[in-house]
Amino acid sequence: MVVRSEIVHCYEELASSVSLMLELARDKDWGRLPELEARCSAIVDRLKVIEPIGTLEAVEVERVLYLLDRIRAEQTEVSELIKPQLDELISRMGYLSQQKNLGRAYGLTH
């Protein structure tokens, strides 16, 4: 049987991970984001297993709802900070691909 607090604990861990992702994104420290994203994914997978068989008391439901609001807000900000970086990366990849294709077309090597 699932201990009720495990569900709340998972949401607290998820909120903590998203907060750290936000801090790293604000600092433009992109290197640790994939590791944290994997951690968040693992926590969500665990929640999918334990939530259907667990029940929460009213105070725990309040805590989870608060954490969900925080997670959503911080995840939105992370996404807004990451999007320009992804757009730039896609642009650079397109440029490199174009250069490679031009090199092939004209027999040039890089």
PDB file of N, CA and C in Angstrom:
ATOM      1  N   MET A   1       0.840  -1.194   0.000  1.00  0.00           N
ATOM      2  CA  MET A   1       0.000   0.000   0.000  1.00  0.00           C
ATOM      3  C   MET A   1       0.882   1.254   0.000  1.00  0.00           C
ATOM      4  N   VAL A   2       0.455   2.255  -0.717  1.00  0.00           N
ATOM      5  CA  VAL A   2       1.191   3.501  -0.842  1.00  0.00           C
ATOM      6  C   VAL A   2       0.965   4.355   0.406  1.00  0.00           C
ATOM      7  N   VAL A   3       2.038   4.886   0.923  1.00  0.00           N
ATOM      8  CA  VAL A   3       1.930   5.832   2.021  1.00  0.00           C
ATOM      9  C   VAL A   3       1.468   7.156   1.421  1.00  0.00           C
ATOM     10  N   ARG A   4       0.440   7.715   1.993  1.00  0.00           N
ATOM     11  CA  ARG A   4      -0.132   8.946   1.438  1.00  0.00           C
ATOM     12  C   ARG A   4       0.911  10.020   1.192  1.00  0.00           C
ATOM     13  N   SER A   5       1.822  10.177   2.112  1.00  0.00           N
ATOM     14  CA  SER A   5       2.795  11.252   1.985  1.00  0.00           C
ATOM     15  C   SER A   5       3.747  11.045   0.810  1.00  0.00           C
ATOM     16  N   GLU A   6       3.834   9.817   0.273  1.00  0.00           N
ATOM     17  CA  GLU A   6       4.708   9.599  -0.882  1.00  0.00           C
ATOM     18  C   GLU A   6       4.226  10.404  -2.085  1.00  0.00           C
ATOM     19  N   ILE A   7       2.934  10.515  -2.241  1.00  0.00           N
ATOM     20  CA  ILE A   7       2.386  11.305  -3.344  1.00  0.00           C
ATOM     21  C   ILE A   7       2.795  12.767  -3.183  1.00  0.00           C
ATOM     22  N   VAL A   8       2.597  13.309  -1.999  1.00  0.00           N
ATOM     23  CA  VAL A   8       2.973  14.697  -1.733  1.00  0.00           C
ATOM     24  C   VAL A   8       4.485  14.857  -1.895  1.00  0.00           C
ATOM     25  N   HIS A   9       5.232  13.899  -1.396  1.00  0.00           N
ATOM     26  CA  HIS A   9       6.694  13.954  -1.517  1.00  0.00           C
ATOM     27  C   HIS A   9       7.108  14.015  -2.993  1.00  0.00           C
ATOM     28  N   CYS A  10       6.478  13.228  -3.838  1.00  0.00           N
ATOM     29  CA  CYS A  10       6.800  13.251  -5.269  1.00  0.00           C
ATOM     30  C   CYS A  10       6.530  14.629  -5.869  1.00  0.00           C
ATOM     31  N   TYR A  11       5.399  15.229  -5.510  1.00  0.00           N
ATOM     32  CA  TYR A  11       5.100  16.572  -6.015  1.00  0.00           C
ATOM     33  C   TYR A  11       6.100  17.596  -5.491  1.00  0.00           C
ATOM     34  N   GLU A  12       6.527  17.439  -4.255  1.00  0.00           N
ATOM     35  CA  GLU A  12       7.537  18.348  -3.712  1.00  0.00           C
ATOM     36  C   GLU A  12       8.859  18.186  -4.446  1.00  0.00           C
ATOM     37  N   GLU A  13       9.241  16.949  -4.750  1.00  0.00           N
ATOM     38  CA  GLU A  13      10.470  16.694  -5.510  1.00  0.00           C
ATOM     39  C   GLU A  13      10.359  17.262  -6.918  1.00  0.00           C
ATOM     40  N   LEU A  14       9.205  17.109  -7.528  1.00  0.00           N
ATOM     41  CA  LEU A  14       8.980  17.649  -8.870  1.00  0.00           C
ATOM     42  C   LEU A  14       9.075  19.174  -8.847  1.00  0.00           C
ATOM     43  N   ALA A  15       8.443  19.795  -7.864  1.00  0.00           N
ATOM     44  CA  ALA A  15       8.502  21.256  -7.749  1.00  0.00           C
ATOM     45  C   ALA A  15       9.930  21.731  -7.516  1.00  0.00           C
ATOM     46  N   SER A  16      10.664  21.025  -6.696  1.00  0.00           N
ATOM     47  CA  SER A  16      12.059  21.379  -6.421  1.00  0.00           C
ATOM     48  C   SER A  16      12.906  21.271  -7.692  1.00  0.00           C
ATOM     49  N   SER A  17      12.696  20.222  -8.459  1.00  0.00           N
ATOM     50  CA  SER A  17      13.453  20.026  -9.703  1.00  0.00           C
ATOM     51  C   SER A  17      13.136  21.111 -10.721  1.00  0.00           C
ATOM     52  N   VAL A  18      11.858  21.450 -10.852  1.00  0.00           N
ATOM     53  CA  VAL A  18      11.464  22.501 -11.800  1.00  0.00           C
ATOM     54  C   VAL A  18      12.027  23.849 -11.353  1.00  0.00           C
ATOM     55  N   SER A  19      12.034  24.108 -10.052  1.00  0.00           N
ATOM     56  CA  SER A  19      12.619  25.351  -9.544  1.00  0.00           C
ATOM     57  C   SER A  19      14.104  25.439  -9.878  1.00  0.00           C
ATOM     58  N   LEU A  20      14.798  24.326  -9.747  1.00  0.00           N
ATOM     59  CA  LEU A  20      16.217  24.305 -10.086  1.00  0.00           C
ATOM     60  C   LEU A  20      16.409  24.508 -11.587  1.00  0.00           C
ATOM     61  N   MET A  21      15.547  23.901 -12.390  1.00  0.00           N
ATOM     62  CA  MET A  21      15.614  24.114 -13.837  1.00  0.00           C
ATOM     63  C   MET A  21      15.433  25.590 -14.168  1.00  0.00           C
ATOM     64  N   LEU A  22      14.509  26.235 -13.489  1.00  0.00           N
ATOM     65  CA  LEU A  22      14.266  27.655 -13.732  1.00  0.00           C
ATOM     66  C   LEU A  22      15.491  28.476 -13.359  1.00  0.00           C
ATOM     67  N   GLU A  23      16.083  28.169 -12.229  1.00  0.00           N
ATOM     68  CA  GLU A  23      17.284  28.885 -11.798  1.00  0.00           C
ATOM     69  C   GLU A  23      18.405  28.716 -12.828  1.00  0.00           C
ATOM     70  N   LEU A  24      18.600  27.496 -13.303  1.00  0.00           N
ATOM     71  CA  LEU A  24      19.649  27.234 -14.296  1.00  0.00           C
ATOM     72  C   LEU A  24      19.340  27.936 -15.617  1.00  0.00           C
ATOM     73  N   ALA A  25      18.077  27.922 -16.031  1.00  0.00           N
ATOM     74  CA  ALA A  25      17.699  28.591 -17.281  1.00  0.00           C
ATOM     75  C   ALA A  25      17.898  30.096 -17.176  1.00  0.00           C
ATOM     76  N   ARG A  26      17.579  30.660 -16.034  1.00  0.00           N
ATOM     77  CA  ARG A  26      17.808  32.094 -15.839  1.00  0.00           C
ATOM     78  C   ARG A  26      19.290  32.434 -15.929  1.00  0.00           C
ATOM     79  N   ASP A  27      20.135  31.522 -15.449  1.00  0.00           N
ATOM     80  CA  ASP A  27      21.586  31.715 -15.494  1.00  0.00           C
ATOM     81  C   ASP A  27      22.195  31.269 -16.829  1.00  0.00           C
ATOM     82  N   LYS A  28      21.345  30.784 -17.738  1.00  0.00           N
ATOM     83  CA  LYS A  28      21.782  30.265 -19.039  1.00  0.00           C
ATOM     84  C   LYS A  28      22.801  29.134 -18.880  1.00  0.00           C
ATOM     85  N   ASP A  29      22.578  28.324 -17.859  1.00  0.00           N
ATOM     86  CA  ASP A  29      23.396  27.152 -17.582  1.00  0.00           C
ATOM     87  C   ASP A  29      22.625  25.943 -18.103  1.00  0.00           C
ATOM     88  N   TRP A  30      22.778  25.687 -19.403  1.00  0.00           N
ATOM     89  CA  TRP A  30      21.949  24.705 -20.089  1.00  0.00           C
ATOM     90  C   TRP A  30      22.389  23.259 -19.855  1.00  0.00           C
ATOM     91  N   GLY A  31      23.605  23.056 -19.411  1.00  0.00           N
ATOM     92  CA  GLY A  31      24.171  21.711 -19.329  1.00  0.00           C
ATOM     93  C   GLY A  31      23.444  20.739 -18.423  1.00  0.00           C
ATOM     94  N   ARG A  32      22.874  21.204 -17.326  1.00  0.00           N
ATOM     95  CA  ARG A  32      22.221  20.302 -16.376  1.00  0.00           C
ATOM     96  C   ARG A  32      20.734  20.114 -16.640  1.00  0.00           C
ATOM     97  N   LEU A  33      20.185  20.876 -17.564  1.00  0.00           N
ATOM     98  CA  LEU A  33      18.745  20.783 -17.815  1.00  0.00           C
ATOM     99  C   LEU A  33      18.293  19.403 -18.282  1.00  0.00           C
ATOM    100  N   PRO A  34      19.024  18.738 -19.181  1.00  0.00           N
ATOM    101  CA  PRO A  34      18.569  17.399 -19.585  1.00  0.00           C
ATOM    102  C   PRO A  34      18.508  16.405 -18.415  1.00  0.00           C
ATOM    103  N   GLU A  35      19.469  16.475 -17.527  1.00  0.00           N
ATOM    104  CA  GLU A  35      19.481  15.597 -16.346  1.00  0.00           C
ATOM    105  C   GLU A  35      18.250  15.859 -15.467  1.00  0.00           C
ATOM    106  N   LEU A  36      17.944  17.127 -15.277  1.00  0.00           N
ATOM    107  CA  LEU A  36      16.778  17.472 -14.454  1.00  0.00           C
ATOM    108  C   LEU A  36      15.475  17.116 -15.153  1.00  0.00           C
ATOM    109  N   GLU A  37      15.440  17.268 -16.460  1.00  0.00           N
ATOM    110  CA  GLU A  37      14.248  16.882 -17.215  1.00  0.00           C
ATOM    111  C   GLU A  37      14.001  15.380 -17.077  1.00  0.00           C
ATOM    112  N   ALA A  38      15.065  14.599 -17.126  1.00  0.00           N
ATOM    113  CA  ALA A  38      14.944  13.147 -16.942  1.00  0.00           C
ATOM    114  C   ALA A  38      14.447  12.827 -15.534  1.00  0.00           C
ATOM    115  N   ARG A  39      14.934  13.577 -14.559  1.00  0.00           N
ATOM    116  CA  ARG A  39      14.489  13.376 -13.174  1.00  0.00           C
ATOM    117  C   ARG A  39      12.997  13.682 -13.047  1.00  0.00           C
ATOM    118  N   CYS A  40      12.562  14.775 -13.651  1.00  0.00           N
ATOM    119  CA  CYS A  40      11.141  15.129 -13.619  1.00  0.00           C
ATOM    120  C   CYS A  40      10.295  14.044 -14.276  1.00  0.00           C
ATOM    121  N   SER A  41      10.771  13.538 -15.374  1.00  0.00           N
ATOM    122  CA  SER A  41      10.053  12.484 -16.081  1.00  0.00           C
ATOM    123  C   SER A  41       9.920  11.233 -15.211  1.00  0.00           C
ATOM    124  N   ALA A  42      10.974  10.881 -14.507  1.00  0.00           N
ATOM    125  CA  ALA A  42      10.936   9.716 -13.620  1.00  0.00           C
ATOM    126  C   ALA A  42       9.945   9.926 -12.478  1.00  0.00           C
ATOM    127  N   ILE A  43       9.891  11.140 -11.951  1.00  0.00           N
ATOM    128  CA  ILE A  43       8.949  11.443 -10.872  1.00  0.00           C
ATOM    129  C   ILE A  43       7.516  11.343 -11.386  1.00  0.00           C
ATOM    130  N   VAL A  44       7.269  11.884 -12.573  1.00  0.00           N
ATOM    131  CA  VAL A  44       5.926  11.814 -13.157  1.00  0.00           C
ATOM    132  C   VAL A  44       5.545  10.350 -13.393  1.00  0.00           C
ATOM    133  N   ASP A  45       6.493   9.552 -13.879  1.00  0.00           N
ATOM    134  CA  ASP A  45       6.210   8.125 -14.071  1.00  0.00           C
ATOM    135  C   ASP A  45       5.835   7.459 -12.751  1.00  0.00           C
ATOM    136  N   ARG A  46       6.545   7.816 -11.686  1.00  0.00           N
ATOM    137  CA  ARG A  46       6.228   7.257 -10.363  1.00  0.00           C
ATOM    138  C   ARG A  46       4.837   7.694  -9.917  1.00  0.00           C
ATOM    139  N   LEU A  47       4.505   8.949 -10.135  1.00  0.00           N
ATOM    140  CA  LEU A  47       3.177   9.437  -9.766  1.00  0.00           C
ATOM    141  C   LEU A  47       2.075   8.700 -10.519  1.00  0.00           C
ATOM    142  N   LYS A  48       2.318   8.368 -11.764  1.00  0.00           N
ATOM    143  CA  LYS A  48       1.326   7.619 -12.544  1.00  0.00           C
ATOM    144  C   LYS A  48       1.034   6.267 -11.912  1.00  0.00           C
ATOM    145  N   VAL A  49       2.024   5.714 -11.244  1.00  0.00           N
ATOM    146  CA  VAL A  49       1.849   4.413 -10.597  1.00  0.00           C
ATOM    147  C   VAL A  49       1.146   4.554  -9.245  1.00  0.00           C
ATOM    148  N   ILE A  50       1.564   5.522  -8.443  1.00  0.00           N
ATOM    149  CA  ILE A  50       1.063   5.587  -7.071  1.00  0.00           C
ATOM    150  C   ILE A  50      -0.224   6.386  -6.889  1.00  0.00           C
ATOM    151  N   GLU A  51      -0.485   7.354  -7.736  1.00  0.00           N
ATOM    152  CA  GLU A  51      -1.685   8.187  -7.538  1.00  0.00           C
ATOM    153  C   GLU A  51      -2.991   7.398  -7.638  1.00  0.00           C
ATOM    154  N   PRO A  52      -3.124   6.504  -8.613  1.00  0.00           N
ATOM    155  CA  PRO A  52      -4.408   5.788  -8.710  1.00  0.00           C
ATOM    156  C   PRO A  52      -4.722   4.913  -7.492  1.00  0.00           C
ATOM    157  N   ILE A  53      -3.704   4.505  -6.757  1.00  0.00           N
ATOM    158  CA  ILE A  53      -3.959   3.628  -5.619  1.00  0.00           C
ATOM    159  C   ILE A  53      -3.854   4.354  -4.282  1.00  0.00           C
ATOM    160  N   GLY A  54      -3.525   5.618  -4.323  1.00  0.00           N
ATOM    161  CA  GLY A  54      -3.399   6.403  -3.093  1.00  0.00           C
ATOM    162  C   GLY A  54      -4.535   7.391  -2.958  1.00  0.00           C
ATOM    163  N   THR A  55      -4.783   7.774  -1.731  1.00  0.00           N
ATOM    164  CA  THR A  55      -5.769   8.823  -1.484  1.00  0.00           C
ATOM    165  C   THR A  55      -5.106   9.882  -0.615  1.00  0.00           C
ATOM    166  N   LEU A  56      -5.590  11.076  -0.758  1.00  0.00           N
ATOM    167  CA  LEU A  56      -5.020  12.187  -0.006  1.00  0.00           C
ATOM    168  C   LEU A  56      -6.073  12.792   0.919  1.00  0.00           C
ATOM    169  N   GLU A  57      -5.606  13.272   2.047  1.00  0.00           N
ATOM    170  CA  GLU A  57      -6.475  14.017   2.950  1.00  0.00           C
ATOM    171  C   GLU A  57      -6.576  15.449   2.431  1.00  0.00           C
ATOM    172  N   ALA A  58      -7.521  16.188   2.934  1.00  0.00           N
ATOM    173  CA  ALA A  58      -7.794  17.544   2.444  1.00  0.00           C
ATOM    174  C   ALA A  58      -6.557  18.437   2.486  1.00  0.00           C
ATOM    175  N   VAL A  59      -5.809  18.390   3.560  1.00  0.00           N
ATOM    176  CA  VAL A  59      -4.620  19.235   3.681  1.00  0.00           C
ATOM    177  C   VAL A  59      -3.559  18.826   2.650  1.00  0.00           C
ATOM    178  N   GLU A  60      -3.492  17.535   2.352  1.00  0.00           N
ATOM    179  CA  GLU A  60      -2.534  17.072   1.342  1.00  0.00           C
ATOM    180  C   GLU A  60      -2.972  17.495  -0.054  1.00  0.00           C
ATOM    181  N   VAL A  61      -4.259  17.458  -0.312  1.00  0.00           N
ATOM    182  CA  VAL A  61      -4.779  17.918  -1.601  1.00  0.00           C
ATOM    183  C   VAL A  61      -4.449  19.392  -1.790  1.00  0.00           C
ATOM    184  N   GLU A  62      -4.627  20.191  -0.735  1.00  0.00           N
ATOM    185  CA  GLU A  62      -4.279  21.610  -0.802  1.00  0.00           C
ATOM    186  C   GLU A  62      -2.808  21.800  -1.141  1.00  0.00           C
ATOM    187  N   ARG A  63      -1.960  21.028  -0.484  1.00  0.00           N
ATOM    188  CA  ARG A  63      -0.513  21.128  -0.721  1.00  0.00           C
ATOM    189  C   ARG A  63      -0.188  20.765  -2.168  1.00  0.00           C
ATOM    190  N   VAL A  64      -0.763  19.694  -2.665  1.00  0.00           N
ATOM    191  CA  VAL A  64      -0.511  19.254  -4.041  1.00  0.00           C
ATOM    192  C   VAL A  64      -0.992  20.307  -5.032  1.00  0.00           C
ATOM    193  N   LEU A  65      -2.162  20.881  -4.793  1.00  0.00           N
ATOM    194  CA  LEU A  65      -2.679  21.921  -5.699  1.00  0.00           C
ATOM    195  C   LEU A  65      -1.770  23.144  -5.705  1.00  0.00           C
ATOM    196  N   TYR A  66      -1.278  23.528  -4.541  1.00  0.00           N
ATOM    197  CA  TYR A  66      -0.323  24.637  -4.463  1.00  0.00           C
ATOM    198  C   TYR A  66       0.933  24.309  -5.272  1.00  0.00           C
ATOM    199  N   LEU A  67       1.453  23.103  -5.083  1.00  0.00           N
ATOM    200  CA  LEU A  67       2.669  22.693  -5.799  1.00  0.00           C
ATOM    201  C   LEU A  67       2.436  22.654  -7.299  1.00  0.00           C
ATOM    202  N   LEU A  68       1.270  22.169  -7.713  1.00  0.00           N
ATOM    203  CA  LEU A  68       0.960  22.127  -9.149  1.00  0.00           C
ATOM    204  C   LEU A  68       0.924  23.527  -9.754  1.00  0.00           C
ATOM    205  N   ASP A  69       0.340  24.474  -9.041  1.00  0.00           N
ATOM    206  CA  ASP A  69       0.331  25.856  -9.537  1.00  0.00           C
ATOM    207  C   ASP A  69       1.753  26.386  -9.685  1.00  0.00           C
ATOM    208  N   ARG A  70       2.579  26.124  -8.699  1.00  0.00           N
ATOM    209  CA  ARG A  70       3.976  26.576  -8.739  1.00  0.00           C
ATOM    210  C   ARG A  70       4.730  25.906  -9.883  1.00  0.00           C
ATOM    211  N   ILE A  71       4.521  24.597 -10.026  1.00  0.00           N
ATOM    212  CA  ILE A  71       5.194  23.849 -11.099  1.00  0.00           C
ATOM    213  C   ILE A  71       4.787  24.419 -12.459  1.00  0.00           C
ATOM    214  N   ARG A  72       3.503  24.637 -12.662  1.00  0.00           N
ATOM    215  CA  ARG A  72       3.029  25.179 -13.947  1.00  0.00           C
ATOM    216  C   ARG A  72       3.638  26.542 -14.248  1.00  0.00           C
ATOM    217  N   ALA A  73       3.632  27.414 -13.271  1.00  0.00           N
ATOM    218  CA  ALA A  73       4.163  28.761 -13.479  1.00  0.00           C
ATOM    219  C   ALA A  73       5.658  28.721 -13.792  1.00  0.00           C
ATOM    220  N   GLU A  74       6.397  27.938 -13.038  1.00  0.00           N
ATOM    221  CA  GLU A  74       7.841  27.880 -13.249  1.00  0.00           C
ATOM    222  C   GLU A  74       8.176  27.153 -14.548  1.00  0.00           C
ATOM    223  N   GLN A  75       7.412  26.122 -14.894  1.00  0.00           N
ATOM    224  CA  GLN A  75       7.652  25.415 -16.152  1.00  0.00           C
ATOM    225  C   GLN A  75       7.383  26.325 -17.343  1.00  0.00           C
ATOM    226  N   THR A  76       6.376  27.167 -17.239  1.00  0.00           N
ATOM    227  CA  THR A  76       6.090  28.132 -18.297  1.00  0.00           C
ATOM    228  C   THR A  76       7.263  29.082 -18.477  1.00  0.00           C
ATOM    229  N   GLU A  77       7.816  29.563 -17.368  1.00  0.00           N
ATOM    230  CA  GLU A  77       8.955  30.479 -17.453  1.00  0.00           C
ATOM    231  C   GLU A  77      10.184  29.775 -18.023  1.00  0.00           C
ATOM    232  N   VAL A  78      10.405  28.522 -17.620  1.00  0.00           N
ATOM    233  CA  VAL A  78      11.527  27.753 -18.178  1.00  0.00           C
ATOM    234  C   VAL A  78      11.364  27.650 -19.691  1.00  0.00           C
ATOM    235  N   SER A  79      10.169  27.315 -20.129  1.00  0.00           N
ATOM    236  CA  SER A  79       9.910  27.177 -21.566  1.00  0.00           C
ATOM    237  C   SER A  79      10.168  28.482 -22.305  1.00  0.00           C
ATOM    238  N   GLU A  80       9.764  29.596 -21.706  1.00  0.00           N
ATOM    239  CA  GLU A  80       9.991  30.898 -22.337  1.00  0.00           C
ATOM    240  C   GLU A  80      11.476  31.228 -22.430  1.00  0.00           C
ATOM    241  N   LEU A  81      12.253  30.785 -21.463  1.00  0.00           N
ATOM    242  CA  LEU A  81      13.699  31.029 -21.483  1.00  0.00           C
ATOM    243  C   LEU A  81      14.424  30.099 -22.454  1.00  0.00           C
ATOM    244  N   ILE A  82      13.913  28.893 -22.604  1.00  0.00           N
ATOM    245  CA  ILE A  82      14.564  27.904 -23.467  1.00  0.00           C
ATOM    246  C   ILE A  82      14.233  28.136 -24.935  1.00  0.00           C
ATOM    247  N   LYS A  83      13.024  28.587 -25.227  1.00  0.00           N
ATOM    248  CA  LYS A  83      12.587  28.721 -26.624  1.00  0.00           C
ATOM    249  C   LYS A  83      13.553  29.523 -27.490  1.00  0.00           C
ATOM    250  N   PRO A  84      14.016  30.697 -27.072  1.00  0.00           N
ATOM    251  CA  PRO A  84      14.962  31.430 -27.925  1.00  0.00           C
ATOM    252  C   PRO A  84      16.256  30.646 -28.172  1.00  0.00           C
ATOM    253  N   GLN A  85      16.691  29.896 -27.183  1.00  0.00           N
ATOM    254  CA  GLN A  85      17.900  29.093 -27.347  1.00  0.00           C
ATOM    255  C   GLN A  85      17.672  27.984 -28.376  1.00  0.00           C
ATOM    256  N   LEU A  86      16.513  27.350 -28.311  1.00  0.00           N
ATOM    257  CA  LEU A  86      16.187  26.305 -29.284  1.00  0.00           C
ATOM    258  C   LEU A  86      16.056  26.890 -30.686  1.00  0.00           C
ATOM    259  N   ASP A  87      15.420  28.047 -30.794  1.00  0.00           N
ATOM    260  CA  ASP A  87      15.284  28.697 -32.098  1.00  0.00           C
ATOM    261  C   ASP A  87      16.656  29.014 -32.691  1.00  0.00           C
ATOM    262  N   GLU A  88      17.563  29.501 -31.856  1.00  0.00           N
ATOM    263  CA  GLU A  88      18.918  29.811 -32.322  1.00  0.00           C
ATOM    264  C   GLU A  88      19.650  28.539 -32.753  1.00  0.00           C
ATOM    265  N   LEU A  89      19.500  27.488 -31.977  1.00  0.00           N
ATOM    266  CA  LEU A  89      20.139  26.218 -32.319  1.00  0.00           C
ATOM    267  C   LEU A  89      19.605  25.683 -33.644  1.00  0.00           C
ATOM    268  N   ILE A  90      18.301  25.731 -33.824  1.00  0.00           N
ATOM    269  CA  ILE A  90      17.697  25.268 -35.080  1.00  0.00           C
ATOM    270  C   ILE A  90      18.194  26.109 -36.245  1.00  0.00           C
ATOM    271  N   SER A  91      18.296  27.403 -36.041  1.00  0.00           N
ATOM    272  CA  SER A  91      18.802  28.288 -37.088  1.00  0.00           C
ATOM    273  C   SER A  91      20.244  27.935 -37.454  1.00  0.00           C
ATOM    274  N   ARG A  92      21.066  27.728 -36.446  1.00  0.00           N
ATOM    275  CA  ARG A  92      22.467  27.361 -36.704  1.00  0.00           C
ATOM    276  C   ARG A  92      22.577  26.016 -37.416  1.00  0.00           C
ATOM    277  N   MET A  93      21.744  25.068 -37.004  1.00  0.00           N
ATOM    278  CA  MET A  93      21.766  23.754 -37.658  1.00  0.00           C
ATOM    279  C   MET A  93      21.353  23.884 -39.121  1.00  0.00           C
ATOM    280  N   GLY A  94      20.358  24.727 -39.380  1.00  0.00           N
ATOM    281  CA  GLY A  94      19.930  24.961 -40.755  1.00  0.00           C
ATOM    282  C   GLY A  94      21.034  25.582 -41.582  1.00  0.00           C
ATOM    283  N   TYR A  95      21.735  26.537 -41.002  1.00  0.00           N
ATOM    284  CA  TYR A  95      22.847  27.187 -41.686  1.00  0.00           C
ATOM    285  C   TYR A  95      23.950  26.176 -41.995  1.00  0.00           C
ATOM    286  N   LEU A  96      24.299  25.347 -41.012  1.00  0.00           N
ATOM    287  CA  LEU A  96      25.340  24.335 -41.232  1.00  0.00           C
ATOM    288  C   LEU A  96      24.929  23.327 -42.296  1.00  0.00           C
ATOM    289  N   SER A  97      23.671  22.944 -42.281  1.00  0.00           N
ATOM    290  CA  SER A  97      23.166  22.014 -43.294  1.00  0.00           C
ATOM    291  C   SER A  97      23.228  22.645 -44.675  1.00  0.00           C
ATOM    292  N   GLN A  98      22.862  23.914 -44.753  1.00  0.00           N
ATOM    293  CA  GLN A  98      22.916  24.637 -46.028  1.00  0.00           C
ATOM    294  C   GLN A  98      24.355  24.715 -46.529  1.00  0.00           C
ATOM    295  N   GLN A  99      25.302  25.008 -45.640  1.00  0.00           N
ATOM    296  CA  GLN A  99      26.714  25.078 -46.020  1.00  0.00           C
ATOM    297  C   GLN A  99      27.211  23.723 -46.512  1.00  0.00           C
ATOM    298  N   LYS A 100      26.803  22.686 -45.840  1.00  0.00           N
ATOM    299  CA  LYS A 100      27.207  21.329 -46.227  1.00  0.00           C
ATOM    300  C   LYS A 100      26.651  20.991 -47.615  1.00  0.00           C
ATOM    301  N   ASN A 101      25.391  21.323 -47.856  1.00  0.00           N
ATOM    302  CA  ASN A 101      24.782  21.056 -49.153  1.00  0.00           C
ATOM    303  C   ASN A 101      25.454  21.854 -50.258  1.00  0.00           C
ATOM    304  N   LEU A 102      25.789  23.104 -49.969  1.00  0.00           N
ATOM    305  CA  LEU A 102      26.498  23.920 -50.954  1.00  0.00           C
ATOM    306  C   LEU A 102      27.878  23.338 -51.243  1.00  0.00           C
ATOM    307  N   GLY A 103      28.543  22.891 -50.203  1.00  0.00           N
ATOM    308  CA  GLY A 103      29.854  22.269 -50.372  1.00  0.00           C
ATOM    309  C   GLY A 103      29.783  21.046 -51.260  1.00  0.00           C
ATOM    310  N   ARG A 104      28.759  20.236 -51.056  1.00  0.00           N
ATOM    311  CA  ARG A 104      28.577  19.043 -51.900  1.00  0.00           C
ATOM    312  C   ARG A 104      28.283  19.439 -53.341  1.00  0.00           C
ATOM    313  N   ALA A 105      27.405  20.441 -53.491  1.00  0.00           N
ATOM    314  CA  ALA A 105      27.003  20.852 -54.835  1.00  0.00           C
ATOM    315  C   ALA A 105      28.173  21.404 -55.636  1.00  0.00           C
ATOM    316  N   TYR A 106      29.082  22.082 -54.958  1.00  0.00           N
ATOM    317  CA  TYR A 106      30.199  22.686 -55.666  1.00  0.00           C
ATOM    318  C   TYR A 106      31.503  21.940 -55.458  1.00  0.00           C
ATOM    319  N   GLY A 107      31.430  20.770 -54.831  1.00  0.00           N
ATOM    320  CA  GLY A 107      32.622  19.950 -54.666  1.00  0.00           C
ATOM    321  C   GLY A 107      33.614  20.505 -53.661  1.00  0.00           C
ATOM    322  N   LEU A 108      33.156  21.325 -52.753  1.00  0.00           N
ATOM    323  CA  LEU A 108      34.029  21.903 -51.738  1.00  0.00           C
ATOM    324  C   LEU A 108      34.030  21.005 -50.508  1.00  0.00           C
ATOM    325  N   THR A 109      35.145  20.995 -49.788  1.00  0.00           N
ATOM    326  CA  THR A 109      35.205  20.260 -48.533  1.00  0.00           C
ATOM    327  C   THR A 109      35.459  21.253 -47.405  1.00  0.00           C
ATOM    328  N   HIS A 110      34.966  20.916 -46.234  1.00  0.00           N
ATOM    329  CA  HIS A 110      35.117  21.807 -45.062  1.00  0.00           C
ATOM    330  C   HIS A 110      36.101  21.231 -44.111  1.00  0.00           C
TER     331      HIS A 110
END
